[in-house]
Protein backbone atom coordinates (compact mmCIF):
# COMPACT_ATOMS: atom_id res chain seq x y z
CA UNK A 1 83.55 -17.54 30.47
CA UNK A 2 81.62 -18.05 33.66
CA UNK A 3 78.97 -15.47 32.84
CA UNK A 4 76.92 -15.17 29.69
CA UNK A 5 74.39 -12.50 28.79
CA UNK A 6 70.94 -13.26 27.39
CA UNK A 7 70.12 -12.82 23.74
CA UNK A 8 68.90 -9.38 22.77
CA UNK A 9 66.48 -10.53 20.11
CA UNK A 10 68.20 -8.45 17.41
CA UNK A 11 68.69 -10.07 14.03
CA UNK A 12 72.26 -10.63 12.73
CA UNK A 13 71.91 -7.78 10.24
CA UNK A 14 71.14 -5.27 12.96
CA UNK A 15 74.80 -4.61 13.64
CA UNK A 16 75.42 -3.67 10.02
CA UNK A 17 72.49 -1.23 10.08
CA UNK A 18 73.52 0.53 13.29
CA UNK A 19 74.92 4.00 12.94
CA UNK A 20 77.33 5.60 15.41
CA UNK A 21 75.61 7.51 18.18
CA UNK A 22 76.79 10.89 19.40
CA UNK A 23 78.03 10.68 23.00
CA UNK A 24 75.53 12.33 25.39
CA UNK A 25 76.84 15.27 27.38
CA UNK A 26 74.60 14.34 30.31
CA UNK A 27 71.78 12.01 31.28
CA UNK A 28 69.08 14.13 29.70
CA UNK A 29 67.58 15.60 32.86
CA UNK A 30 69.76 18.69 32.96
CA UNK A 31 71.58 17.45 36.01
CA UNK A 32 74.97 17.19 34.32
CA UNK A 33 77.20 14.24 33.46
CA UNK A 34 76.07 10.69 34.11
CA UNK A 35 77.56 8.73 37.06
CA UNK A 36 79.68 6.73 34.58
CA UNK A 37 81.10 9.91 33.08
CA UNK A 38 81.78 11.36 36.53
CA UNK A 39 83.58 8.18 37.55
CA UNK A 40 85.77 8.21 34.44
CA UNK A 41 86.67 11.89 34.93
CA UNK A 42 87.56 11.44 38.60
CA UNK A 43 89.70 8.37 37.89
CA UNK A 44 91.46 10.13 35.02
CA UNK A 45 92.29 13.12 37.20
CA UNK A 46 93.77 10.79 39.83
CA UNK A 47 95.84 8.89 37.25
CA UNK A 48 97.16 12.06 35.63
CA UNK A 49 98.51 13.11 39.03
CA UNK A 50 100.71 9.99 39.14
CA UNK A 51 104.04 9.56 37.36
CA UNK A 52 103.58 8.35 33.81
CA UNK A 53 105.18 5.01 33.02
CA UNK A 54 105.59 3.31 29.70
CA UNK A 55 107.38 0.01 29.62
CA UNK A 56 108.35 -3.23 31.35
CA UNK A 57 108.34 -6.91 30.37
CA UNK A 58 108.98 -8.20 26.89
CA UNK A 59 106.33 -6.73 24.67
CA UNK A 60 103.13 -5.72 26.46
CA UNK A 61 102.32 -2.15 27.42
CA UNK A 62 100.98 -0.21 30.42
CA UNK A 63 98.65 1.62 28.17
CA UNK A 64 100.35 1.88 24.85
CA UNK A 65 103.59 1.63 22.89
CA UNK A 66 105.03 4.21 20.55
CA UNK A 67 106.27 3.42 17.08
CA UNK A 68 110.03 3.87 16.70
CA UNK A 69 111.86 3.87 13.40
CA UNK A 70 113.60 0.57 12.90
CA UNK A 71 115.33 -1.57 10.33
CA UNK A 72 112.09 -2.55 8.65
CA UNK A 73 111.23 1.05 7.81
CA UNK A 74 107.71 2.30 7.05
CA UNK A 75 105.33 0.15 5.06
CA UNK A 76 102.52 1.43 2.86
CA UNK A 77 99.07 1.39 4.46
CA UNK A 78 96.13 -0.39 2.82
CA UNK A 79 93.44 1.54 1.03
CA UNK A 80 90.34 2.52 2.97
CA UNK A 81 88.42 -0.09 0.99
CA UNK A 82 89.83 -2.66 3.40
CA UNK A 83 87.28 -1.40 5.88
CA UNK A 84 84.70 -3.61 4.24
CA UNK A 85 86.06 -6.79 5.81
CA UNK A 86 83.51 -8.40 8.15
CA UNK A 87 84.33 -9.28 11.73
CA UNK A 88 83.46 -12.72 12.98
CA UNK A 89 81.48 -15.48 11.37
CA UNK A 90 78.20 -13.60 11.12
CA UNK A 91 78.59 -10.24 12.80
CA UNK A 92 77.96 -7.87 9.96
CA UNK A 93 78.80 -7.75 6.31
CA UNK A 94 80.97 -6.22 3.66
CA UNK A 95 80.82 -2.52 2.94
CA UNK A 96 80.81 -1.07 6.46
CA UNK A 97 83.54 0.13 8.77
CA UNK A 98 84.01 -1.78 12.00
CA UNK A 99 84.11 -0.38 15.53
CA UNK A 100 87.34 -1.49 17.20
CA UNK A 101 87.80 -1.10 20.96
CA UNK A 102 91.53 -1.29 21.68
CA UNK A 103 93.01 -0.99 25.16
CA UNK A 104 96.41 0.62 25.63
CA UNK A 105 96.36 2.60 22.40
CA UNK A 106 98.31 5.78 23.08
CA UNK A 107 101.83 4.41 22.60
CA UNK A 108 103.91 1.62 21.04
CA UNK A 109 102.18 -1.46 19.63
CA UNK A 110 98.79 -0.09 20.67
CA UNK A 111 99.33 3.21 18.84
CA UNK A 112 100.57 1.33 15.78
CA UNK A 113 97.36 -0.72 15.84
CA UNK A 114 95.21 2.43 16.18
CA UNK A 115 96.96 3.81 13.08
CA UNK A 116 96.47 0.54 11.20
CA UNK A 117 92.73 0.32 11.85
CA UNK A 118 92.10 4.06 11.46
CA UNK A 119 93.96 4.37 8.15
CA UNK A 120 91.81 1.55 6.79
CA UNK A 121 88.67 3.57 7.57
CA UNK A 122 87.51 1.81 10.73
CA UNK A 123 86.14 3.51 13.85
CA UNK A 124 88.51 3.15 16.79
CA UNK A 125 87.87 3.67 20.49
CA UNK A 126 91.20 3.36 22.25
CA UNK A 127 92.17 3.69 25.87
CA UNK A 128 94.95 5.32 27.82
CA UNK A 129 95.65 5.70 31.53
CA UNK A 130 98.49 8.17 31.99
CA UNK A 131 98.96 9.02 28.32
CA UNK A 132 96.23 11.57 27.67
CA UNK A 133 98.59 13.92 25.81
CA UNK A 134 99.95 11.05 23.69
CA UNK A 135 96.40 9.98 22.83
CA UNK A 136 95.48 13.52 21.77
CA UNK A 137 98.66 13.78 19.71
CA UNK A 138 97.88 10.49 17.97
CA UNK A 139 94.40 11.73 16.98
CA UNK A 140 95.87 15.00 15.74
CA UNK A 141 98.55 13.21 13.72
CA UNK A 142 96.04 10.93 12.00
CA UNK A 143 93.72 13.84 11.25
CA UNK A 144 96.72 15.73 9.89
CA UNK A 145 97.21 13.05 7.22
CA UNK A 146 93.85 13.93 5.68
CA UNK A 147 93.86 15.88 2.39
CA UNK A 148 91.49 18.66 3.55
CA UNK A 149 89.61 20.01 6.57
CA UNK A 150 86.45 18.00 5.93
CA UNK A 151 88.39 14.75 5.68
CA UNK A 152 90.32 15.63 8.84
CA UNK A 153 87.07 16.19 10.71
CA UNK A 154 85.82 12.82 9.50
CA UNK A 155 88.99 11.14 10.79
CA UNK A 156 88.56 12.81 14.20
CA UNK A 157 84.96 11.63 14.26
CA UNK A 158 86.11 8.02 13.88
CA UNK A 159 88.60 8.19 16.76
CA UNK A 160 87.52 8.03 20.38
CA UNK A 161 90.29 8.16 23.03
CA UNK A 162 89.02 7.11 26.46
CA UNK A 163 90.58 7.05 29.91
CA UNK A 164 90.57 3.56 31.42
CA UNK A 165 92.19 1.96 34.47
CA UNK A 166 92.16 -1.72 33.56
CA UNK A 167 92.69 -2.72 37.18
CA UNK A 168 89.39 -1.13 38.24
CA UNK A 169 86.59 -3.69 37.87
CA UNK A 170 83.98 -0.97 38.25
CA UNK A 171 85.34 0.92 35.24
CA UNK A 172 84.62 -1.83 32.70
CA UNK A 173 80.93 -1.13 32.11
CA UNK A 174 81.59 2.61 32.03
CA UNK A 175 84.21 2.08 29.32
CA UNK A 176 81.92 -0.10 27.20
CA UNK A 177 79.07 2.40 27.59
CA UNK A 178 81.29 5.33 26.59
CA UNK A 179 82.68 3.50 23.56
CA UNK A 180 79.27 2.39 22.32
CA UNK A 181 77.71 5.80 22.94
CA UNK A 182 80.32 7.44 20.73
CA UNK A 183 80.84 4.95 17.91
CA UNK A 184 78.17 2.23 18.13
CA UNK A 185 78.38 -1.47 18.95
CA UNK A 186 81.87 -2.94 19.33
CA UNK A 187 82.78 -5.37 16.55
CA UNK A 188 86.43 -6.03 17.45
CA UNK A 189 88.00 -6.03 20.92
CA UNK A 190 91.80 -5.85 21.12
CA UNK A 191 93.11 -6.36 24.67
CA UNK A 192 96.56 -4.80 24.46
CA UNK A 193 97.02 -2.78 27.69
CA UNK A 194 99.24 -4.14 30.46
CA UNK A 195 101.72 -3.26 33.13
CA UNK A 196 105.28 -4.55 32.87
CA UNK A 197 108.14 -5.56 35.13
CA UNK A 198 109.50 -2.00 35.15
CA UNK A 199 106.39 0.19 34.76
CA UNK A 200 104.42 -1.47 37.56
CA UNK A 201 106.33 0.61 40.10
CA UNK A 202 104.61 3.80 38.90
CA UNK A 203 101.19 2.14 39.16
CA UNK A 204 101.75 0.48 42.55
CA UNK A 205 104.70 2.11 44.35
CA UNK A 206 103.95 0.52 47.73
CA UNK A 207 106.25 -2.50 47.39
CA UNK A 208 106.72 -5.87 45.73
CA UNK A 209 103.59 -7.65 46.92
CA UNK A 210 101.36 -4.77 45.90
CA UNK A 211 103.12 -4.73 42.54
CA UNK A 212 102.63 -8.48 42.09
CA UNK A 213 98.94 -8.02 42.83
CA UNK A 214 98.71 -5.11 40.38
CA UNK A 215 100.38 -7.11 37.59
CA UNK A 216 97.89 -9.94 37.92
CA UNK A 217 94.89 -7.67 38.40
CA UNK A 218 95.62 -5.31 35.50
CA UNK A 219 97.16 -7.79 33.06
CA UNK A 220 94.96 -10.85 33.63
CA UNK A 221 91.75 -9.88 35.41
CA UNK A 222 91.25 -6.71 33.39
CA UNK A 223 91.12 -8.57 30.05
CA UNK A 224 88.88 -11.20 31.65
CA UNK A 225 86.38 -8.57 32.79
CA UNK A 226 86.30 -6.80 29.43
CA UNK A 227 85.96 -10.02 27.46
CA UNK A 228 83.12 -11.14 29.73
CA UNK A 229 81.39 -7.81 29.19
CA UNK A 230 81.62 -7.80 25.38
CA UNK A 231 81.57 -11.45 24.26
CA UNK A 232 77.85 -11.92 25.06
CA UNK A 233 76.99 -8.70 23.23
CA UNK A 234 78.91 -9.82 20.16
CA UNK A 235 77.32 -13.27 20.24
CA UNK A 236 73.81 -11.85 20.54
CA UNK A 237 74.39 -9.55 17.54
CA UNK A 238 75.72 -12.36 15.36
CA UNK A 239 79.50 -12.06 15.46
CA UNK A 240 82.69 -10.31 16.48
CA UNK A 241 86.40 -10.74 17.06
CA UNK A 242 88.39 -10.73 20.32
CA UNK A 243 92.18 -10.44 20.10
CA UNK A 244 94.13 -10.93 23.32
CA UNK A 245 97.73 -9.73 23.58
CA UNK A 246 100.05 -11.77 25.79
CA UNK A 247 103.84 -12.01 25.40
CA UNK A 248 106.40 -14.63 24.49
CA UNK A 249 107.60 -14.08 28.07
CA UNK A 250 105.24 -16.30 30.03
CA UNK A 251 102.81 -16.72 27.17
CA UNK A 252 104.95 -19.28 25.37
CA UNK A 253 108.38 -19.41 27.05
CA UNK A 254 110.18 -18.69 30.34
CA UNK A 255 112.37 -15.61 30.80
CA UNK A 256 113.62 -15.82 34.36
CA UNK A 257 115.16 -12.33 34.49
CA UNK A 258 111.73 -10.68 34.56
CA UNK A 259 109.13 -10.45 37.32
CA UNK A 260 107.46 -13.79 38.01
CA UNK A 261 104.09 -12.08 38.46
CA UNK A 262 104.50 -10.28 35.14
CA UNK A 263 105.12 -13.50 33.23
CA UNK A 264 102.43 -15.35 35.20
CA UNK A 265 99.96 -12.71 34.00
CA UNK A 266 101.00 -13.32 30.39
CA UNK A 267 100.48 -17.05 30.84
CA UNK A 268 97.05 -16.33 32.30
CA UNK A 269 96.08 -14.26 29.25
CA UNK A 270 97.14 -17.03 26.88
CA UNK A 271 95.05 -19.51 28.85
CA UNK A 272 92.09 -17.11 29.01
CA UNK A 273 92.05 -16.90 25.22
CA UNK A 274 91.94 -20.70 24.96
CA UNK A 275 89.20 -20.97 27.59
CA UNK A 276 87.01 -18.34 25.93
CA UNK A 277 87.62 -19.90 22.51
CA UNK A 278 86.48 -23.26 23.88
CA UNK A 279 83.29 -21.70 25.23
CA UNK A 280 82.61 -19.97 21.91
CA UNK A 281 83.62 -22.80 19.59
CA UNK A 282 80.09 -22.96 18.10
CA UNK A 283 79.62 -19.19 18.24
CA UNK A 284 80.16 -16.61 15.47
CA UNK A 285 82.57 -14.82 17.83
CA UNK A 286 86.22 -15.59 17.01
CA UNK A 287 88.97 -15.50 19.64
CA UNK A 288 92.74 -15.24 19.15
CA UNK A 289 95.85 -14.44 21.16
CA UNK A 290 99.07 -12.79 19.98
CA UNK A 291 102.31 -13.28 21.95
CA UNK A 292 104.87 -10.74 20.69
CA UNK A 293 108.57 -11.08 21.36
CA UNK A 294 111.21 -8.40 21.85
CA UNK A 295 109.63 -5.35 20.26
CA UNK A 296 111.07 -1.87 19.85
CA UNK A 297 108.86 -0.11 22.38
CA UNK A 298 109.33 2.10 25.44
CA UNK A 299 108.38 -0.96 27.51
CA UNK A 300 111.28 -3.07 26.25
CA UNK A 301 113.59 -0.08 26.41
CA UNK A 302 112.84 0.51 30.08
CA UNK A 303 112.86 -3.09 31.22
CA UNK A 304 115.81 -4.45 29.23
CA UNK A 305 117.80 -2.02 27.11
CA UNK A 306 118.17 1.01 29.37
CA UNK A 307 120.90 -0.51 31.60
CA UNK A 308 123.12 -1.27 28.59
CA UNK A 309 125.83 0.99 27.22
CA UNK A 310 125.56 1.75 23.46
CA UNK A 311 128.22 -0.80 22.48
CA UNK A 312 126.68 -3.44 24.74
CA UNK A 313 123.25 -2.76 23.30
CA UNK A 314 124.45 -3.41 19.74
CA UNK A 315 126.10 -6.70 20.74
CA UNK A 316 123.09 -7.73 22.83
CA UNK A 317 120.62 -7.14 20.00
CA UNK A 318 122.93 -8.82 17.51
CA UNK A 319 122.16 -12.15 19.18
CA UNK A 320 118.40 -11.75 18.76
CA UNK A 321 116.44 -13.56 16.02
CA UNK A 322 117.16 -11.98 12.64
CA UNK A 323 119.56 -9.70 14.57
CA UNK A 324 116.93 -7.05 15.16
CA UNK A 325 113.94 -6.07 17.26
CA UNK A 326 110.38 -6.54 16.05
CA UNK A 327 108.74 -3.28 14.97
CA UNK A 328 105.38 -2.29 16.54
CA UNK A 329 103.80 -2.01 13.11
CA UNK A 330 104.58 -5.65 12.39
CA UNK A 331 102.56 -6.75 15.41
CA UNK A 332 99.83 -4.24 14.54
CA UNK A 333 99.55 -5.77 11.06
CA UNK A 334 98.91 -9.15 12.66
CA UNK A 335 96.28 -7.69 15.01
CA UNK A 336 94.58 -6.04 12.05
CA UNK A 337 94.46 -9.25 10.05
CA UNK A 338 93.04 -11.21 12.98
CA UNK A 339 90.44 -8.53 13.61
CA UNK A 340 89.21 -8.08 10.05
CA UNK A 341 90.03 -10.95 7.69
CA UNK A 342 87.51 -13.82 7.42
CA UNK A 343 90.41 -16.18 6.66
CA UNK A 344 91.68 -15.72 10.23
CA UNK A 345 88.73 -17.72 11.58
CA UNK A 346 90.64 -20.98 11.12
CA UNK A 347 92.95 -19.78 13.94
CA UNK A 348 90.10 -19.54 16.47
CA UNK A 349 91.61 -20.50 19.82
CA UNK A 350 95.24 -20.17 18.73
CA UNK A 351 98.01 -18.29 20.51
CA UNK A 352 100.29 -16.93 17.81
CA UNK A 353 103.97 -16.76 18.75
CA UNK A 354 104.95 -13.46 17.13
CA UNK A 355 108.49 -13.47 18.47
CA UNK A 356 110.42 -14.08 15.23
CA UNK A 357 111.84 -17.27 16.78
CA UNK A 358 112.65 -16.07 20.31
CA UNK A 359 109.90 -18.30 21.70
CA UNK A 360 111.60 -21.43 20.37
CA UNK A 361 115.10 -20.22 21.32
CA UNK A 362 114.64 -18.04 24.43
CA UNK A 363 118.28 -18.63 25.36
CA UNK A 364 119.25 -16.10 22.69
CA UNK A 365 118.14 -13.58 25.28
CA UNK A 366 118.12 -15.36 28.64
CA UNK A 367 121.63 -16.84 28.23
CA UNK A 368 123.08 -13.73 26.65
CA UNK A 369 125.91 -12.54 28.97
CA UNK A 370 124.77 -8.95 28.42
CA UNK A 371 121.18 -9.66 29.53
CA UNK A 372 120.51 -7.35 32.48
CA UNK A 373 119.85 -9.51 35.53
CA UNK A 374 117.76 -8.92 38.58
CA UNK A 375 114.69 -7.77 36.73
CA UNK A 376 112.54 -9.08 39.58
CA UNK A 377 111.09 -5.97 41.13
């Protein structure tokens, strides 16, 4: 990155000894909420007044992606003992839960990832923009899986939903401060939130050029700003993991039916991961990028499947790799492994094509006669 923070002087074991801090209600002088808290509340109120959108593009999400039942069916979750996996080359140790900051976590792939990390016992701060009710429902559902009231309270205490507009540069530090105040230093950053070819219209309804600008600002600059804010902190503490989420569309292959700006933003994210990995090649901070393919999410539904009649949809999907859509939980499993398993370090700097083969044969979709055309907004 172009900016790098100074060392804090803390020893590498300090991160393992930190305990989560309770979020302050105000700044301690009796004057009420801090400026950062006021800013977040005002921005959230403005976003909640806008139409909620969830979808667009191949696999990324405006602020989340909800898990839909698919051909893979549910898979058993790992035991909570998995929470002992360290993040990064030297950022902690076994026997402690990690703090994961995940953007776009109220729906779809993001929500599946929140479930994956939370069920393994990790602390999860996750963001939403227009999905406050979905975020609250996700917390309630995870707490409802607990065997008793005390365990449910413990689950709620490990989950921290936060409003965040990824296109607002001034909101980045406020987000990091809110996450760390609630759950301690961030060990794993998962950059999942994004606008898509269809959902951008709800975010920027003023026309194509404003929408192009929004796609690049939210999808590419937002992850850049967050990574720049957290990478130096992780490095100073002795380790961490950063997982970018791009898409096979633009990230590894061309899909000309979608918005050019949308796919350009995915390409930018894939490059950003490589650039940051190059900067941190001698650092204990590990960097990866995941490029999902056609995934069963509201985003893909809105951008691609909605125009198709039921019979057309079945024939269209029958041409896809393995004749099915990827399930959000499959991508979440990959995110989890990259964020927690020491063995993933050998993939530092890699962009993982998680498209089940669509990236090497994009024509299965782009040349499909049932592919809806004119996706350029």
